[in-house]
N, C-alpha and C. Protein backbone atom coordinates (compact mmCIF):
# COMPACT_ATOMS: atom_id res chain seq x y z
N MET A 1 21.07 2.03 -1.79
CA MET A 1 20.31 0.96 -2.40
C MET A 1 18.86 1.07 -1.95
N ALA A 2 17.93 1.07 -2.87
CA ALA A 2 16.50 1.19 -2.56
C ALA A 2 16.02 -0.02 -1.78
N ILE A 3 15.06 0.21 -0.89
CA ILE A 3 14.45 -0.83 -0.08
C ILE A 3 12.97 -0.88 -0.44
N HIS A 4 12.45 -2.08 -0.72
CA HIS A 4 11.04 -2.27 -1.05
C HIS A 4 10.37 -3.02 0.10
N VAL A 5 9.21 -2.53 0.52
CA VAL A 5 8.45 -3.16 1.60
C VAL A 5 7.04 -3.43 1.09
N VAL A 6 6.58 -4.68 1.28
CA VAL A 6 5.23 -5.06 0.88
C VAL A 6 4.47 -5.53 2.11
N ILE A 7 3.26 -5.03 2.28
CA ILE A 7 2.39 -5.44 3.38
C ILE A 7 1.04 -5.81 2.77
N THR A 8 0.50 -6.97 3.15
CA THR A 8 -0.82 -7.37 2.68
C THR A 8 -1.74 -7.60 3.87
N ARG A 9 -3.01 -7.36 3.64
CA ARG A 9 -4.03 -7.57 4.66
C ARG A 9 -5.26 -8.20 4.01
N ARG A 10 -5.91 -9.08 4.74
CA ARG A 10 -7.19 -9.63 4.30
C ARG A 10 -8.28 -8.75 4.91
N VAL A 11 -9.15 -8.22 4.08
CA VAL A 11 -10.16 -7.24 4.48
C VAL A 11 -11.45 -7.95 4.87
N LEU A 12 -12.09 -7.43 5.91
CA LEU A 12 -13.40 -7.96 6.31
C LEU A 12 -14.41 -7.73 5.19
N PRO A 13 -15.33 -8.66 4.98
CA PRO A 13 -16.34 -8.48 3.94
C PRO A 13 -17.10 -7.17 4.14
N GLY A 14 -17.28 -6.45 3.06
CA GLY A 14 -18.01 -5.18 3.09
C GLY A 14 -17.15 -3.98 3.49
N LYS A 15 -15.91 -4.19 3.86
CA LYS A 15 -15.03 -3.10 4.30
C LYS A 15 -13.97 -2.75 3.26
N GLU A 16 -14.05 -3.37 2.09
CA GLU A 16 -13.01 -3.17 1.07
C GLU A 16 -12.85 -1.71 0.65
N GLU A 17 -13.94 -1.04 0.35
CA GLU A 17 -13.85 0.35 -0.11
C GLU A 17 -13.36 1.27 0.99
N GLU A 18 -13.76 1.00 2.22
CA GLU A 18 -13.30 1.81 3.35
C GLU A 18 -11.78 1.70 3.50
N LEU A 19 -11.25 0.48 3.38
CA LEU A 19 -9.80 0.30 3.48
C LEU A 19 -9.09 0.93 2.29
N LYS A 20 -9.62 0.77 1.10
CA LYS A 20 -8.99 1.37 -0.08
C LYS A 20 -8.91 2.89 0.06
N ASP A 21 -9.97 3.51 0.56
CA ASP A 21 -9.95 4.96 0.75
C ASP A 21 -8.88 5.36 1.77
N ALA A 22 -8.79 4.62 2.87
CA ALA A 22 -7.77 4.92 3.89
C ALA A 22 -6.37 4.74 3.32
N LEU A 23 -6.17 3.69 2.52
CA LEU A 23 -4.86 3.45 1.92
C LEU A 23 -4.50 4.54 0.92
N ARG A 24 -5.47 5.03 0.16
CA ARG A 24 -5.19 6.12 -0.79
C ARG A 24 -4.68 7.35 -0.04
N ARG A 25 -5.31 7.67 1.09
CA ARG A 25 -4.85 8.81 1.89
C ARG A 25 -3.44 8.55 2.43
N PHE A 26 -3.23 7.36 2.97
CA PHE A 26 -1.91 6.99 3.51
C PHE A 26 -0.83 7.08 2.44
N LEU A 27 -1.11 6.54 1.27
CA LEU A 27 -0.12 6.58 0.19
C LEU A 27 0.17 8.01 -0.24
N GLY A 28 -0.85 8.85 -0.27
CA GLY A 28 -0.63 10.25 -0.61
C GLY A 28 0.28 10.95 0.39
N TYR A 29 0.05 10.68 1.67
CA TYR A 29 0.90 11.26 2.72
C TYR A 29 2.32 10.71 2.67
N SER A 30 2.47 9.50 2.16
CA SER A 30 3.80 8.88 2.11
C SER A 30 4.80 9.76 1.38
N PHE A 31 4.35 10.47 0.36
CA PHE A 31 5.27 11.25 -0.46
C PHE A 31 5.68 12.57 0.19
N LEU A 32 5.10 12.88 1.35
CA LEU A 32 5.53 14.06 2.09
C LEU A 32 6.88 13.81 2.75
N HIS A 33 7.26 12.57 2.89
CA HIS A 33 8.54 12.19 3.47
C HIS A 33 9.53 12.03 2.32
N GLY A 34 10.62 12.76 2.37
CA GLY A 34 11.58 12.77 1.27
C GLY A 34 12.24 11.44 0.95
N GLY A 35 12.26 10.51 1.91
CA GLY A 35 12.92 9.23 1.67
C GLY A 35 12.07 8.21 0.95
N VAL A 36 10.79 8.54 0.68
CA VAL A 36 9.91 7.61 -0.02
C VAL A 36 10.05 7.85 -1.53
N HIS A 37 10.39 6.80 -2.26
CA HIS A 37 10.56 6.92 -3.71
C HIS A 37 9.37 6.39 -4.49
N GLY A 38 8.50 5.64 -3.82
CA GLY A 38 7.34 5.10 -4.52
C GLY A 38 6.38 4.45 -3.54
N ALA A 39 5.11 4.39 -3.94
CA ALA A 39 4.09 3.75 -3.13
C ALA A 39 2.95 3.35 -4.07
N ALA A 40 2.40 2.16 -3.83
CA ALA A 40 1.31 1.68 -4.67
C ALA A 40 0.40 0.76 -3.88
N MET A 41 -0.87 0.72 -4.29
CA MET A 41 -1.83 -0.21 -3.70
C MET A 41 -2.02 -1.36 -4.67
N MET A 42 -2.11 -2.57 -4.12
CA MET A 42 -2.32 -3.76 -4.94
C MET A 42 -3.65 -4.39 -4.53
N THR A 43 -4.51 -4.63 -5.52
CA THR A 43 -5.80 -5.26 -5.26
C THR A 43 -5.97 -6.45 -6.18
N ALA A 44 -6.95 -7.28 -5.85
CA ALA A 44 -7.23 -8.46 -6.67
C ALA A 44 -7.82 -8.03 -8.02
N LEU A 45 -7.68 -8.90 -8.98
CA LEU A 45 -8.27 -8.64 -10.30
C LEU A 45 -9.78 -8.62 -10.22
N PRO A 46 -10.45 -7.83 -11.07
CA PRO A 46 -11.91 -7.83 -11.08
C PRO A 46 -12.44 -9.24 -11.26
N GLY A 47 -13.47 -9.58 -10.49
CA GLY A 47 -14.06 -10.91 -10.57
C GLY A 47 -13.45 -11.91 -9.60
N SER A 48 -12.33 -11.55 -9.01
CA SER A 48 -11.68 -12.43 -8.04
C SER A 48 -12.45 -12.38 -6.72
N GLU A 49 -12.43 -13.48 -5.99
CA GLU A 49 -13.07 -13.50 -4.68
C GLU A 49 -12.09 -13.17 -3.56
N SER A 50 -10.84 -12.89 -3.92
CA SER A 50 -9.83 -12.55 -2.92
C SER A 50 -10.18 -11.22 -2.26
N ARG A 51 -10.00 -11.16 -0.93
CA ARG A 51 -10.22 -9.93 -0.18
C ARG A 51 -8.89 -9.37 0.31
N GLU A 52 -7.79 -9.78 -0.29
CA GLU A 52 -6.48 -9.27 0.11
C GLU A 52 -6.18 -7.97 -0.62
N ILE A 53 -5.64 -7.02 0.13
CA ILE A 53 -5.20 -5.74 -0.41
C ILE A 53 -3.80 -5.51 0.12
N GLY A 54 -2.93 -5.00 -0.73
CA GLY A 54 -1.56 -4.78 -0.29
C GLY A 54 -1.05 -3.41 -0.66
N ILE A 55 0.04 -3.04 0.00
CA ILE A 55 0.73 -1.82 -0.38
C ILE A 55 2.20 -2.15 -0.61
N LEU A 56 2.78 -1.46 -1.54
CA LEU A 56 4.20 -1.55 -1.84
C LEU A 56 4.78 -0.16 -1.65
N ARG A 57 5.81 -0.07 -0.81
CA ARG A 57 6.48 1.22 -0.61
C ARG A 57 7.96 1.04 -0.91
N THR A 58 8.53 2.02 -1.58
CA THR A 58 9.96 2.00 -1.90
C THR A 58 10.61 3.19 -1.21
N PHE A 59 11.68 2.87 -0.48
CA PHE A 59 12.41 3.88 0.27
C PHE A 59 13.80 4.06 -0.34
N ALA A 60 14.37 5.23 -0.14
CA ALA A 60 15.69 5.53 -0.68
C ALA A 60 16.74 4.54 -0.18
N ASP A 61 16.67 4.20 1.09
CA ASP A 61 17.61 3.24 1.67
C ASP A 61 17.03 2.74 2.99
N GLN A 62 17.74 1.85 3.64
CA GLN A 62 17.23 1.23 4.86
C GLN A 62 17.00 2.25 5.97
N ALA A 63 17.79 3.28 6.05
CA ALA A 63 17.64 4.29 7.08
C ALA A 63 16.32 5.05 6.96
N GLU A 64 15.76 5.13 5.77
CA GLU A 64 14.53 5.89 5.52
C GLU A 64 13.26 5.12 5.84
N GLN A 65 13.33 3.81 5.94
CA GLN A 65 12.10 3.03 6.12
C GLN A 65 11.51 3.14 7.48
């Protein structure tokens, strides 16, 4: 049974792009592990004042997380 994990963080003002770049690298490396079935970054809609950024990772099963 697949396991989904979501983590969100509130980003310091002016650090949004730095975190997004780091998350892109992290998500890319995620697929080097065979137990990862999916990974995505979640950001606020354009025009939103929210500084929250999240990641969603899907693992093959609980043992892989």
